[in-house]
Amino acid sequence: MSGAQKKFLNSQELALRLGVSISTIYFWVSQNKVPYFKMGKHNRFDYEEVLAHFKNKTLKSDGGRIEKH
């Protein structure tokens, strides 16, 4: 991102963008199935990094299914 500060998503924003429930996001975080970092006590996500993670996982897995909770 040139010249602008990158915006990181919270759990709710990520859930909306991915079309999953917020409990799915919490489950993925608890299982370390999604890249995230802590900002204080809150989880934050780089959307592009999350997409790249799942794309890479899809290429390596059988059928490309992502486990939902």
Protein backbone atom coordinates (compact mmCIF):
# COMPACT_ATOMS: atom_id res chain seq x y z
CA MET A 1 0.00 0.00 0.00
CA SER A 2 1.87 3.09 -1.13
CA GLY A 3 1.56 6.32 0.83
CA ALA A 4 -1.28 5.11 3.05
CA GLN A 5 -1.35 3.32 6.35
CA LYS A 6 -2.59 -0.25 6.14
CA LYS A 7 -5.91 -0.92 7.89
CA PHE A 8 -6.16 -4.11 9.86
CA LEU A 9 -9.51 -5.81 10.37
CA ASN A 10 -11.09 -6.87 13.64
CA SER A 11 -12.80 -10.26 14.00
CA GLN A 12 -16.25 -8.98 13.02
CA GLU A 13 -14.96 -7.21 9.90
CA LEU A 14 -13.04 -10.31 8.82
CA ALA A 15 -16.10 -12.52 9.36
CA LEU A 16 -18.18 -10.21 7.16
CA ARG A 17 -15.60 -10.15 4.36
CA LEU A 18 -15.16 -13.93 4.39
CA GLY A 19 -18.85 -14.68 4.74
CA VAL A 20 -18.46 -16.76 7.90
CA SER A 21 -19.74 -16.33 11.44
CA ILE A 22 -17.72 -14.51 14.05
CA SER A 23 -17.62 -17.74 16.07
CA THR A 24 -15.83 -19.34 13.11
CA ILE A 25 -13.20 -16.61 13.28
CA TYR A 26 -12.78 -17.16 17.04
CA PHE A 27 -12.48 -20.91 16.46
CA TRP A 28 -9.86 -20.45 13.72
CA VAL A 29 -7.87 -18.13 16.00
CA SER A 30 -8.04 -20.62 18.89
CA GLN A 31 -6.75 -23.36 16.57
CA ASN A 32 -4.14 -21.11 14.89
CA LYS A 33 -5.81 -21.73 11.51
CA VAL A 34 -5.76 -18.08 10.46
CA PRO A 35 -2.90 -15.54 10.63
CA TYR A 36 -3.51 -12.79 13.18
CA PHE A 37 -1.72 -10.61 15.68
CA LYS A 38 -2.66 -9.01 18.97
CA MET A 39 -3.18 -5.28 19.29
CA GLY A 40 -3.55 -4.88 23.02
CA LYS A 41 -6.07 -7.55 23.96
CA HIS A 42 -7.76 -7.54 20.54
CA ASN A 43 -7.07 -9.74 17.52
CA ARG A 44 -6.30 -7.99 14.25
CA PHE A 45 -6.07 -9.43 10.76
CA ASP A 46 -4.33 -8.41 7.55
CA TYR A 47 -7.02 -9.31 5.00
CA GLU A 48 -4.54 -9.85 2.16
CA GLU A 49 -2.43 -12.11 4.38
CA VAL A 50 -5.51 -14.13 5.39
CA LEU A 51 -6.53 -14.57 1.74
CA ALA A 52 -3.00 -15.63 0.79
CA HIS A 53 -2.95 -18.09 3.70
CA PHE A 54 -6.19 -19.76 2.60
CA LYS A 55 -5.16 -19.72 -1.06
CA ASN A 56 -1.90 -21.47 -0.16
CA LYS A 57 -3.78 -23.92 2.08
CA THR A 58 -6.26 -24.63 -0.71
CA LEU A 59 -3.45 -25.42 -3.14
CA LYS A 60 -1.95 -27.92 -0.67
CA SER A 61 -5.12 -29.60 0.57
CA ASP A 62 -7.47 -32.11 -0.96
CA GLY A 63 -10.47 -30.37 -2.42
CA GLY A 64 -9.59 -26.99 -0.90
CA ARG A 65 -12.18 -27.14 1.86
CA ILE A 66 -11.82 -24.73 4.74
CA GLU A 67 -13.13 -26.09 8.02
CA LYS A 68 -15.98 -24.03 9.46
CA HIS A 69 -17.15 -24.16 13.04
